PDB file of N, CA and C in Angstrom:
ATOM      1  N   UNK A   1       0.828  -1.070   0.241  1.00  0.00           N
ATOM      2  CA  UNK A   1      -0.054  -0.014   0.141  1.00  0.00           C
ATOM      3  C   UNK A   1       0.923   1.221  -0.022  1.00  0.00           C
ATOM      4  N   UNK A   2       0.074   2.178   0.135  1.00  0.00           N
ATOM      5  CA  UNK A   2       0.861   3.374  -0.090  1.00  0.00           C
ATOM      6  C   UNK A   2       1.212   4.217   1.398  1.00  0.00           C
ATOM      7  N   UNK A   3       2.193   4.934   1.351  1.00  0.00           N
ATOM      8  CA  UNK A   3       2.367   5.446   2.897  1.00  0.00           C
ATOM      9  C   UNK A   3       2.220   7.136   2.729  1.00  0.00           C
ATOM     10  N   UNK A   4       2.028   8.018   3.637  1.00  0.00           N
ATOM     11  CA  UNK A   4       1.982   9.277   4.045  1.00  0.00           C
ATOM     12  C   UNK A   4       1.182   9.953   2.608  1.00  0.00           C
ATOM     13  N   UNK A   5      -0.044   9.318   2.429  1.00  0.00           N
ATOM     14  CA  UNK A   5      -0.536   9.835   1.758  1.00  0.00           C
ATOM     15  C   UNK A   5      -2.474   9.553   1.958  1.00  0.00           C
ATOM     16  N   UNK A   6      -3.142  10.295   1.439  1.00  0.00           N
ATOM     17  CA  UNK A   6      -4.407  10.339   1.950  1.00  0.00           C
ATOM     18  C   UNK A   6      -5.359   9.423   1.213  1.00  0.00           C
ATOM     19  N   UNK A   7      -4.968   9.250  -0.024  1.00  0.00           N
ATOM     20  CA  UNK A   7      -5.736   8.234  -0.954  1.00  0.00           C
ATOM     21  C   UNK A   7      -4.500   6.966  -0.483  1.00  0.00           C
ATOM     22  N   UNK A   8      -5.605   5.944  -1.155  1.00  0.00           N
ATOM     23  CA  UNK A   8      -5.024   4.234  -1.463  1.00  0.00           C
ATOM     24  C   UNK A   8      -4.234   4.229  -2.550  1.00  0.00           C
ATOM     25  N   UNK A   9      -4.926   4.703  -3.724  1.00  0.00           N
ATOM     26  CA  UNK A   9      -4.199   4.548  -5.201  1.00  0.00           C
ATOM     27  C   UNK A   9      -3.126   5.436  -5.441  1.00  0.00           C
ATOM     28  N   UNK A  10      -2.765   4.917  -6.063  1.00  0.00           N
ATOM     29  CA  UNK A  10      -0.748   5.430  -6.853  1.00  0.00           C
ATOM     30  C   UNK A  10      -1.506   6.879  -7.433  1.00  0.00           C
ATOM     31  N   UNK A  11      -1.252   7.637  -7.673  1.00  0.00           N
ATOM     32  CA  UNK A  11      -1.215   8.973  -8.459  1.00  0.00           C
ATOM     33  C   UNK A  11      -2.397  10.066  -8.294  1.00  0.00           C
ATOM     34  N   UNK A  12      -3.222   9.629  -7.293  1.00  0.00           N
ATOM     35  CA  UNK A  12      -4.359  10.234  -6.950  1.00  0.00           C
ATOM     36  C   UNK A  12      -4.235  11.136  -5.329  1.00  0.00           C
ATOM     37  N   UNK A  13      -4.950  12.184  -5.433  1.00  0.00           N
ATOM     38  CA  UNK A  13      -4.832  13.076  -4.210  1.00  0.00           C
ATOM     39  C   UNK A  13      -6.601  13.640  -4.144  1.00  0.00           C
ATOM     40  N   UNK A  14      -7.148  13.598  -2.690  1.00  0.00           N
ATOM     41  CA  UNK A  14      -8.122  14.204  -2.746  1.00  0.00           C
ATOM     42  C   UNK A  14      -8.047  15.676  -2.300  1.00  0.00           C
ATOM     43  N   UNK A  15      -8.691  16.756  -3.286  1.00  0.00           N
ATOM     44  CA  UNK A  15      -8.540  18.130  -3.434  1.00  0.00           C
ATOM     45  C   UNK A  15     -10.217  18.566  -3.387  1.00  0.00           C
ATOM     46  N   UNK A  16     -10.128  20.001  -2.820  1.00  0.00           N
ATOM     47  CA  UNK A  16     -11.407  20.530  -2.899  1.00  0.00           C
ATOM     48  C   UNK A  16     -12.883  19.402  -2.976  1.00  0.00           C
ATOM     49  N   UNK A  17     -12.819  18.655  -2.448  1.00  0.00           N
ATOM     50  CA  UNK A  17     -13.966  17.446  -2.309  1.00  0.00           C
ATOM     51  C   UNK A  17     -14.224  16.494  -3.554  1.00  0.00           C
ATOM     52  N   UNK A  18     -13.041  16.853  -4.453  1.00  0.00           N
ATOM     53  CA  UNK A  18     -12.901  15.419  -5.687  1.00  0.00           C
ATOM     54  C   UNK A  18     -11.577  14.984  -5.610  1.00  0.00           C
ATOM     55  N   UNK A  19     -11.173  13.993  -6.445  1.00  0.00           N
ATOM     56  CA  UNK A  19     -10.129  13.706  -6.304  1.00  0.00           C
ATOM     57  C   UNK A  19      -9.326  13.874  -7.315  1.00  0.00           C
ATOM     58  N   UNK A  20      -8.166  14.537  -7.461  1.00  0.00           N
ATOM     59  CA  UNK A  20      -6.883  14.719  -8.823  1.00  0.00           C
ATOM     60  C   UNK A  20      -6.537  13.572  -9.210  1.00  0.00           C
ATOM     61  N   UNK A  21      -6.294  13.689 -10.364  1.00  0.00           N
ATOM     62  CA  UNK A  21      -5.615  12.063 -10.915  1.00  0.00           C
ATOM     63  C   UNK A  21      -4.043  13.247 -11.432  1.00  0.00           C
ATOM     64  N   UNK A  22      -2.843  12.563 -10.939  1.00  0.00           N
ATOM     65  CA  UNK A  22      -1.535  12.918 -11.657  1.00  0.00           C
ATOM     66  C   UNK A  22      -1.068  11.754 -11.765  1.00  0.00           C
ATOM     67  N   UNK A  23       0.240  12.382 -12.938  1.00  0.00           N
ATOM     68  CA  UNK A  23       1.262  11.157 -13.177  1.00  0.00           C
ATOM     69  C   UNK A  23       2.344  11.596 -13.356  1.00  0.00           C
ATOM     70  N   UNK A  24       3.397  11.447 -13.536  1.00  0.00           N
ATOM     71  CA  UNK A  24       5.128  11.937 -13.205  1.00  0.00           C
ATOM     72  C   UNK A  24       5.751  11.028 -14.106  1.00  0.00           C
ATOM     73  N   UNK A  25       5.823  11.631 -15.740  1.00  0.00           N
ATOM     74  CA  UNK A  25       6.416  10.866 -16.779  1.00  0.00           C
ATOM     75  C   UNK A  25       8.302  10.834 -16.543  1.00  0.00           C
ATOM     76  N   UNK A  26       8.572  11.171 -15.121  1.00  0.00           N
ATOM     77  CA  UNK A  26       9.853  11.302 -15.443  1.00  0.00           C
ATOM     78  C   UNK A  26      10.723  12.938 -15.200  1.00  0.00           C
ATOM     79  N   UNK A  27       9.966  13.307 -15.928  1.00  0.00           N
ATOM     80  CA  UNK A  27      10.219  14.973 -15.973  1.00  0.00           C
ATOM     81  C   UNK A  27       9.098  15.843 -15.469  1.00  0.00           C
ATOM     82  N   UNK A  28       8.333  15.822 -16.045  1.00  0.00           N
ATOM     83  CA  UNK A  28       6.842  16.331 -15.770  1.00  0.00           C
ATOM     84  C   UNK A  28       5.953  15.993 -14.927  1.00  0.00           C
ATOM     85  N   UNK A  29       5.156  16.574 -14.187  1.00  0.00           N
ATOM     86  CA  UNK A  29       3.739  15.965 -13.069  1.00  0.00           C
ATOM     87  C   UNK A  29       2.602  16.312 -14.362  1.00  0.00           C
ATOM     88  N   UNK A  30       1.807  15.552 -14.961  1.00  0.00           N
ATOM     89  CA  UNK A  30       0.903  15.726 -15.821  1.00  0.00           C
ATOM     90  C   UNK A  30      -0.319  15.636 -15.063  1.00  0.00           C
ATOM     91  N   UNK A  31      -1.417  16.431 -14.978  1.00  0.00           N
ATOM     92  CA  UNK A  31      -2.621  16.899 -14.188  1.00  0.00           C
ATOM     93  C   UNK A  31      -3.441  15.904 -15.336  1.00  0.00           C
ATOM     94  N   UNK A  32      -4.354  15.229 -14.922  1.00  0.00           N
ATOM     95  CA  UNK A  32      -5.346  14.194 -15.660  1.00  0.00           C
ATOM     96  C   UNK A  32      -6.523  14.427 -15.214  1.00  0.00           C
ATOM     97  N   UNK A  33      -7.112  15.559 -14.379  1.00  0.00           N
ATOM     98  CA  UNK A  33      -8.303  16.202 -14.224  1.00  0.00           C
ATOM     99  C   UNK A  33      -8.834  15.762 -12.344  1.00  0.00           C
ATOM    100  N   UNK A  34     -10.010  16.073 -12.614  1.00  0.00           N
ATOM    101  CA  UNK A  34     -10.819  15.997 -11.431  1.00  0.00           C
ATOM    102  C   UNK A  34     -12.060  14.858 -11.190  1.00  0.00           C
ATOM    103  N   UNK A  35     -12.380  13.965 -10.594  1.00  0.00           N
ATOM    104  CA  UNK A  35     -13.312  13.243 -10.655  1.00  0.00           C
ATOM    105  C   UNK A  35     -13.678  13.135  -9.432  1.00  0.00           C
ATOM    106  N   UNK A  36     -15.017  12.849  -9.446  1.00  0.00           N
ATOM    107  CA  UNK A  36     -16.224  12.562  -8.225  1.00  0.00           C
ATOM    108  C   UNK A  36     -15.895  11.345  -7.287  1.00  0.00           C
ATOM    109  N   UNK A  37     -15.137  10.612  -7.979  1.00  0.00           N
ATOM    110  CA  UNK A  37     -14.609   9.170  -6.833  1.00  0.00           C
ATOM    111  C   UNK A  37     -13.371   9.093  -6.526  1.00  0.00           C
ATOM    112  N   UNK A  38     -13.172   8.431  -6.046  1.00  0.00           N
ATOM    113  CA  UNK A  38     -11.684   7.931  -5.869  1.00  0.00           C
ATOM    114  C   UNK A  38     -10.645   6.851  -6.870  1.00  0.00           C
ATOM    115  N   UNK A  39     -12.091   6.027  -7.051  1.00  0.00           N
ATOM    116  CA  UNK A  39     -11.704   4.883  -7.609  1.00  0.00           C
ATOM    117  C   UNK A  39     -11.455   5.368  -9.211  1.00  0.00           C
ATOM    118  N   UNK A  40     -12.733   6.294  -9.815  1.00  0.00           N
ATOM    119  CA  UNK A  40     -12.273   6.997 -10.976  1.00  0.00           C
ATOM    120  C   UNK A  40     -11.127   7.664 -11.402  1.00  0.00           C
ATOM    121  N   UNK A  41     -10.579   8.354 -10.158  1.00  0.00           N
ATOM    122  CA  UNK A  41      -9.314   8.940 -10.803  1.00  0.00           C
ATOM    123  C   UNK A  41      -8.105   7.942 -11.045  1.00  0.00           C
ATOM    124  N   UNK A  42      -8.088   6.947  -9.785  1.00  0.00           N
ATOM    125  CA  UNK A  42      -7.104   5.891 -10.143  1.00  0.00           C
ATOM    126  C   UNK A  42      -7.279   5.134 -10.980  1.00  0.00           C
ATOM    127  N   UNK A  43      -8.804   5.009 -11.749  1.00  0.00           N
ATOM    128  CA  UNK A  43      -8.648   4.108 -13.231  1.00  0.00           C
ATOM    129  C   UNK A  43      -7.987   4.951 -14.639  1.00  0.00           C
ATOM    130  N   UNK A  44      -8.166   6.616 -14.288  1.00  0.00           N
ATOM    131  CA  UNK A  44      -7.837   7.571 -15.596  1.00  0.00           C
ATOM    132  C   UNK A  44      -6.175   7.372 -14.748  1.00  0.00           C
ATOM    133  N   UNK A  45      -5.742   7.058 -13.877  1.00  0.00           N
ATOM    134  CA  UNK A  45      -4.256   7.309 -13.526  1.00  0.00           C
ATOM    135  C   UNK A  45      -3.707   6.134 -14.380  1.00  0.00           C
ATOM    136  N   UNK A  46      -4.558   4.628 -14.070  1.00  0.00           N
ATOM    137  CA  UNK A  46      -3.664   3.393 -14.949  1.00  0.00           C
ATOM    138  C   UNK A  46      -4.006   3.693 -16.131  1.00  0.00           C
ATOM    139  N   UNK A  47      -4.613   4.178 -16.733  1.00  0.00           N
ATOM    140  CA  UNK A  47      -4.903   4.461 -18.296  1.00  0.00           C
ATOM    141  C   UNK A  47      -3.494   5.270 -18.708  1.00  0.00           C
ATOM    142  N   UNK A  48      -3.347   6.088 -18.040  1.00  0.00           N
ATOM    143  CA  UNK A  48      -2.310   6.903 -18.145  1.00  0.00           C
ATOM    144  C   UNK A  48      -0.954   6.520 -18.331  1.00  0.00           C
ATOM    145  N   UNK A  49      -0.553   5.274 -16.816  1.00  0.00           N
ATOM    146  CA  UNK A  49       0.459   4.962 -16.804  1.00  0.00           C
ATOM    147  C   UNK A  49       0.742   3.985 -17.859  1.00  0.00           C
ATOM    148  N   UNK A  50      -0.199   3.240 -18.409  1.00  0.00           N
ATOM    149  CA  UNK A  50      -0.597   2.280 -19.486  1.00  0.00           C
ATOM    150  C   UNK A  50       0.288   2.955 -20.935  1.00  0.00           C
ATOM    151  N   UNK A  51      -0.048   4.273 -20.805  1.00  0.00           N
ATOM    152  CA  UNK A  51       0.144   4.982 -22.252  1.00  0.00           C
ATOM    153  C   UNK A  51       1.738   5.573 -22.281  1.00  0.00           C
ATOM    154  N   UNK A  52       2.084   6.065 -20.638  1.00  0.00           N
ATOM    155  CA  UNK A  52       3.302   6.746 -20.250  1.00  0.00           C
ATOM    156  C   UNK A  52       4.372   5.528 -20.625  1.00  0.00           C
ATOM    157  N   UNK A  53       3.992   4.510 -19.411  1.00  0.00           N
ATOM    158  CA  UNK A  53       4.964   3.770 -19.370  1.00  0.00           C
ATOM    159  C   UNK A  53       4.666   2.328 -19.942  1.00  0.00           C
ATOM    160  N   UNK A  54       3.764   1.692 -20.391  1.00  0.00           N
ATOM    161  CA  UNK A  54       3.634   0.431 -21.244  1.00  0.00           C
ATOM    162  C   UNK A  54       3.018  -0.193 -19.695  1.00  0.00           C
ATOM    163  N   UNK A  55       2.914  -2.062 -20.420  1.00  0.00           N
ATOM    164  CA  UNK A  55       2.420  -2.620 -19.143  1.00  0.00           C
ATOM    165  C   UNK A  55       3.478  -2.851 -18.367  1.00  0.00           C
ATOM    166  N   UNK A  56       4.537  -2.851 -18.263  1.00  0.00           N
ATOM    167  CA  UNK A  56       5.460  -2.575 -17.150  1.00  0.00           C
ATOM    168  C   UNK A  56       5.294  -1.746 -15.737  1.00  0.00           C
ATOM    169  N   UNK A  57       4.127  -0.665 -15.782  1.00  0.00           N
ATOM    170  CA  UNK A  57       3.940  -0.111 -15.378  1.00  0.00           C
ATOM    171  C   UNK A  57       3.472  -0.351 -14.094  1.00  0.00           C
ATOM    172  N   UNK A  58       3.281   0.307 -12.669  1.00  0.00           N
ATOM    173  CA  UNK A  58       2.834  -0.374 -11.464  1.00  0.00           C
ATOM    174  C   UNK A  58       1.073   0.583 -11.446  1.00  0.00           C
ATOM    175  N   UNK A  59       0.079  -0.464 -11.813  1.00  0.00           N
ATOM    176  CA  UNK A  59      -1.520  -0.380 -11.495  1.00  0.00           C
ATOM    177  C   UNK A  59      -1.701  -0.015 -10.071  1.00  0.00           C
ATOM    178  N   UNK A  60      -2.946   0.508 -10.342  1.00  0.00           N
ATOM    179  CA  UNK A  60      -3.916   0.329  -8.763  1.00  0.00           C
ATOM    180  C   UNK A  60      -4.660  -0.971  -9.240  1.00  0.00           C
ATOM    181  N   UNK A  61      -5.209  -1.009 -10.440  1.00  0.00           N
ATOM    182  CA  UNK A  61      -5.923  -2.465 -10.576  1.00  0.00           C
ATOM    183  C   UNK A  61      -5.218  -3.354 -11.660  1.00  0.00           C
ATOM    184  N   UNK A  62      -5.978  -4.523 -11.462  1.00  0.00           N
ATOM    185  CA  UNK A  62      -5.260  -5.385 -12.721  1.00  0.00           C
ATOM    186  C   UNK A  62      -5.583  -4.920 -14.371  1.00  0.00           C
ATOM    187  N   UNK A  63      -4.645  -5.081 -14.661  1.00  0.00           N
ATOM    188  CA  UNK A  63      -4.301  -4.439 -16.337  1.00  0.00           C
ATOM    189  C   UNK A  63      -5.837  -5.050 -17.229  1.00  0.00           C
ATOM    190  N   UNK A  64      -6.182  -5.649 -16.799  1.00  0.00           N
ATOM    191  CA  UNK A  64      -7.971  -6.354 -17.774  1.00  0.00           C
ATOM    192  C   UNK A  64      -8.804  -5.412 -17.159  1.00  0.00           C
ATOM    193  N   UNK A  65      -8.763  -4.737 -16.226  1.00  0.00           N
ATOM    194  CA  UNK A  65      -9.701  -3.661 -15.829  1.00  0.00           C
ATOM    195  C   UNK A  65      -9.692  -2.741 -16.549  1.00  0.00           C
ATOM    196  N   UNK A  66      -8.896  -2.154 -17.275  1.00  0.00           N
ATOM    197  CA  UNK A  66      -8.797  -0.777 -18.116  1.00  0.00           C
ATOM    198  C   UNK A  66     -10.226  -0.948 -19.192  1.00  0.00           C
ATOM    199  N   UNK A  67     -10.635   0.800 -18.827  1.00  0.00           N
ATOM    200  CA  UNK A  67     -11.984   0.823 -19.772  1.00  0.00           C
ATOM    201  C   UNK A  67     -11.485   1.397 -20.543  1.00  0.00           C
ATOM    202  N   UNK A  68     -11.877   1.212 -21.867  1.00  0.00           N
ATOM    203  CA  UNK A  68     -11.212   1.925 -22.982  1.00  0.00           C
ATOM    204  C   UNK A  68     -11.459   3.264 -23.189  1.00  0.00           C
ATOM    205  N   UNK A  69     -12.517   3.711 -22.316  1.00  0.00           N
ATOM    206  CA  UNK A  69     -12.712   5.023 -22.794  1.00  0.00           C
ATOM    207  C   UNK A  69     -11.855   5.763 -21.887  1.00  0.00           C
ATOM    208  N   UNK A  70     -11.301   5.535 -20.878  1.00  0.00           N
ATOM    209  CA  UNK A  70     -10.211   5.988 -20.207  1.00  0.00           C
ATOM    210  C   UNK A  70      -8.964   5.796 -20.735  1.00  0.00           C
ATOM    211  N   UNK A  71      -8.776   5.313 -21.330  1.00  0.00           N
ATOM    212  CA  UNK A  71      -7.519   4.922 -22.023  1.00  0.00           C
ATOM    213  C   UNK A  71      -7.904   6.162 -23.286  1.00  0.00           C
ATOM    214  N   UNK A  72      -8.686   6.398 -23.776  1.00  0.00           N
ATOM    215  CA  UNK A  72      -8.320   7.330 -24.854  1.00  0.00           C
ATOM    216  C   UNK A  72      -8.837   8.303 -24.312  1.00  0.00           C
ATOM    217  N   UNK A  73      -9.312   8.794 -23.146  1.00  0.00           N
ATOM    218  CA  UNK A  73      -9.225  10.245 -22.607  1.00  0.00           C
ATOM    219  C   UNK A  73      -7.518  10.224 -21.917  1.00  0.00           C
ATOM    220  N   UNK A  74      -7.398   9.356 -21.349  1.00  0.00           N
ATOM    221  CA  UNK A  74      -5.421   9.333 -20.999  1.00  0.00           C
ATOM    222  C   UNK A  74      -4.873  10.137 -22.088  1.00  0.00           C
ATOM    223  N   UNK A  75      -5.111   8.903 -23.074  1.00  0.00           N
ATOM    224  CA  UNK A  75      -4.253   9.287 -24.400  1.00  0.00           C
ATOM    225  C   UNK A  75      -4.043  10.823 -24.959  1.00  0.00           C
ATOM    226  N   UNK A  76      -5.174  11.026 -24.909  1.00  0.00           N
ATOM    227  CA  UNK A  76      -5.632  12.480 -25.210  1.00  0.00           C
ATOM    228  C   UNK A  76      -5.120  13.936 -24.273  1.00  0.00           C
ATOM    229  N   UNK A  77      -5.302  13.578 -23.404  1.00  0.00           N
ATOM    230  CA  UNK A  77      -4.748  14.449 -22.192  1.00  0.00           C
ATOM    231  C   UNK A  77      -3.284  14.613 -22.139  1.00  0.00           C
ATOM    232  N   UNK A  78      -2.706  13.239 -22.512  1.00  0.00           N
ATOM    233  CA  UNK A  78      -1.130  13.136 -22.688  1.00  0.00           C
ATOM    234  C   UNK A  78      -1.036  13.740 -23.578  1.00  0.00           C
ATOM    235  N   UNK A  79      -1.316  13.407 -25.032  1.00  0.00           N
ATOM    236  CA  UNK A  79      -0.855  14.444 -26.187  1.00  0.00           C
ATOM    237  C   UNK A  79      -1.462  16.069 -26.065  1.00  0.00           C
ATOM    238  N   UNK A  80      -2.024  16.330 -25.363  1.00  0.00           N
ATOM    239  CA  UNK A  80      -1.980  17.774 -25.277  1.00  0.00           C
ATOM    240  C   UNK A  80      -1.348  18.071 -24.694  1.00  0.00           C
ATOM    241  N   UNK A  81      -0.999  17.559 -23.624  1.00  0.00           N
ATOM    242  CA  UNK A  81       0.319  17.826 -22.598  1.00  0.00           C
ATOM    243  C   UNK A  81       1.411  17.902 -23.239  1.00  0.00           C
ATOM    244  N   UNK A  82       1.862  17.269 -23.950  1.00  0.00           N
ATOM    245  CA  UNK A  82       3.094  17.115 -24.887  1.00  0.00           C
ATOM    246  C   UNK A  82       3.226  18.106 -26.110  1.00  0.00           C
ATOM    247  N   UNK A  83       1.841  18.092 -26.578  1.00  0.00           N
ATOM    248  CA  UNK A  83       2.086  19.172 -27.781  1.00  0.00           C
ATOM    249  C   UNK A  83       2.056  20.595 -27.058  1.00  0.00           C
ATOM    250  N   UNK A  84       1.143  21.149 -26.120  1.00  0.00           N
ATOM    251  CA  UNK A  84       1.818  22.225 -25.254  1.00  0.00           C
ATOM    252  C   UNK A  84       2.917  22.488 -25.003  1.00  0.00           C
ATOM    253  N   UNK A  85       4.219  21.612 -24.596  1.00  0.00           N
ATOM    254  CA  UNK A  85       5.051  21.377 -23.856  1.00  0.00           C
ATOM    255  C   UNK A  85       6.353  22.253 -25.038  1.00  0.00           C
ATOM    256  N   UNK A  86       5.733  21.141 -26.460  1.00  0.00           N
ATOM    257  CA  UNK A  86       6.324  21.542 -27.527  1.00  0.00           C
ATOM    258  C   UNK A  86       5.979  22.685 -28.404  1.00  0.00           C
ATOM    259  N   UNK A  87       5.335  23.820 -27.845  1.00  0.00           N
ATOM    260  CA  UNK A  87       4.961  24.545 -28.006  1.00  0.00           C
ATOM    261  C   UNK A  87       3.883  24.802 -29.772  1.00  0.00           C
ATOM    262  N   UNK A  88       3.307  23.914 -29.657  1.00  0.00           N
ATOM    263  CA  UNK A  88       2.142  23.703 -30.384  1.00  0.00           C
ATOM    264  C   UNK A  88       0.749  22.991 -29.603  1.00  0.00           C
ATOM    265  N   UNK A  89       0.183  23.889 -28.798  1.00  0.00           N
ATOM    266  CA  UNK A  89      -1.011  23.608 -28.213  1.00  0.00           C
ATOM    267  C   UNK A  89      -2.218  23.059 -29.370  1.00  0.00           C
ATOM    268  N   UNK A  90      -3.245  22.026 -28.710  1.00  0.00           N
ATOM    269  CA  UNK A  90      -4.026  21.645 -29.221  1.00  0.00           C
ATOM    270  C   UNK A  90      -5.021  22.995 -29.257  1.00  0.00           C
ATOM    271  N   UNK A  91      -5.700  23.120 -30.388  1.00  0.00           N
ATOM    272  CA  UNK A  91      -7.201  24.174 -31.129  1.00  0.00           C
ATOM    273  C   UNK A  91      -8.004  23.585 -30.016  1.00  0.00           C
ATOM    274  N   UNK A  92      -9.121  24.449 -29.867  1.00  0.00           N
ATOM    275  CA  UNK A  92     -10.104  24.352 -29.429  1.00  0.00           C
ATOM    276  C   UNK A  92     -10.940  22.929 -30.243  1.00  0.00           C
ATOM    277  N   UNK A  93     -10.718  23.340 -31.388  1.00  0.00           N
ATOM    278  CA  UNK A  93     -11.148  22.296 -32.522  1.00  0.00           C
ATOM    279  C   UNK A  93     -11.022  21.110 -32.823  1.00  0.00           C
ATOM    280  N   UNK A  94      -9.454  21.006 -32.343  1.00  0.00           N
ATOM    281  CA  UNK A  94      -8.801  19.837 -32.185  1.00  0.00           C
ATOM    282  C   UNK A  94      -8.951  18.924 -30.744  1.00  0.00           C
ATOM    283  N   UNK A  95      -9.268  19.970 -30.062  1.00  0.00           N
ATOM    284  CA  UNK A  95      -9.939  19.158 -28.676  1.00  0.00           C
ATOM    285  C   UNK A  95     -11.258  18.729 -28.841  1.00  0.00           C
ATOM    286  N   UNK A  96     -12.358  19.293 -29.317  1.00  0.00           N
ATOM    287  CA  UNK A  96     -13.631  18.637 -29.469  1.00  0.00           C
ATOM    288  C   UNK A  96     -13.766  17.557 -30.524  1.00  0.00           C
ATOM    289  N   UNK A  97     -12.945  17.664 -31.759  1.00  0.00           N
ATOM    290  CA  UNK A  97     -12.936  16.481 -32.626  1.00  0.00           C
ATOM    291  C   UNK A  97     -12.224  15.270 -31.956  1.00  0.00           C
ATOM    292  N   UNK A  98     -11.403  15.534 -31.188  1.00  0.00           N
ATOM    293  CA  UNK A  98     -10.768  14.007 -30.358  1.00  0.00           C
ATOM    294  C   UNK A  98     -11.455  13.699 -29.494  1.00  0.00           C
ATOM    295  N   UNK A  99     -12.349  14.674 -28.730  1.00  0.00           N
ATOM    296  CA  UNK A  99     -13.164  14.049 -27.778  1.00  0.00           C
ATOM    297  C   UNK A  99     -12.851  14.384 -26.438  1.00  0.00           C
ATOM    298  N   UNK A 100     -11.723  15.068 -26.488  1.00  0.00           N
ATOM    299  CA  UNK A 100     -11.460  15.491 -24.951  1.00  0.00           C
ATOM    300  C   UNK A 100     -12.190  16.308 -24.025  1.00  0.00           C
ATOM    301  N   UNK A 101     -13.454  17.176 -24.837  1.00  0.00           N
ATOM    302  CA  UNK A 101     -14.411  17.744 -23.800  1.00  0.00           C
ATOM    303  C   UNK A 101     -15.268  16.857 -22.955  1.00  0.00           C
ATOM    304  N   UNK A 102     -15.051  15.374 -23.334  1.00  0.00           N
ATOM    305  CA  UNK A 102     -15.677  14.298 -22.745  1.00  0.00           C
ATOM    306  C   UNK A 102     -15.191  14.397 -21.307  1.00  0.00           C
ATOM    307  N   UNK A 103     -13.804  14.576 -21.095  1.00  0.00           N
ATOM    308  CA  UNK A 103     -13.178  14.338 -19.877  1.00  0.00           C
ATOM    309  C   UNK A 103     -13.708  15.036 -18.782  1.00  0.00           C
ATOM    310  N   UNK A 104     -13.828  14.825 -18.072  1.00  0.00           N
ATOM    311  CA  UNK A 104     -14.128  15.596 -16.526  1.00  0.00           C
ATOM    312  C   UNK A 104     -13.151  16.392 -16.112  1.00  0.00           C
ATOM    313  N   UNK A 105     -11.674  16.270 -16.454  1.00  0.00           N
ATOM    314  CA  UNK A 105     -10.769  17.080 -15.797  1.00  0.00           C
ATOM    315  C   UNK A 105     -10.613  18.492 -16.481  1.00  0.00           C
ATOM    316  N   UNK A 106     -10.110  19.320 -15.809  1.00  0.00           N
ATOM    317  CA  UNK A 106      -9.751  20.683 -16.505  1.00  0.00           C
ATOM    318  C   UNK A 106      -8.159  20.605 -16.512  1.00  0.00           C
ATOM    319  N   UNK A 107      -7.683  20.647 -17.669  1.00  0.00           N
ATOM    320  CA  UNK A 107      -6.093  21.194 -18.040  1.00  0.00           C
ATOM    321  C   UNK A 107      -6.119  22.396 -18.759  1.00  0.00           C
TER     322      UNK A 107
END
């Protein structure tokens, strides 16, 4: 289990009545958004961990439990982060086209 934290899940912190999911890629901490439940935040963390680190990542849940929608949203959020870092932020149209607005996070 985790130590010195208020959440029982990796990559999750309680904030303002919700749960925020974050992932650290070795250089940056990427905010994955805010979720109503701790479990939802942990699931999006797992999806992001798969995108960033592959199947060898440390997950909160068994890998077979990954929801395809969580994987898509984590992928889009991470893509948006790296595009912004490289000086090419995604336009509002690209964000809507890729479905990122379905995500409950605020990046």
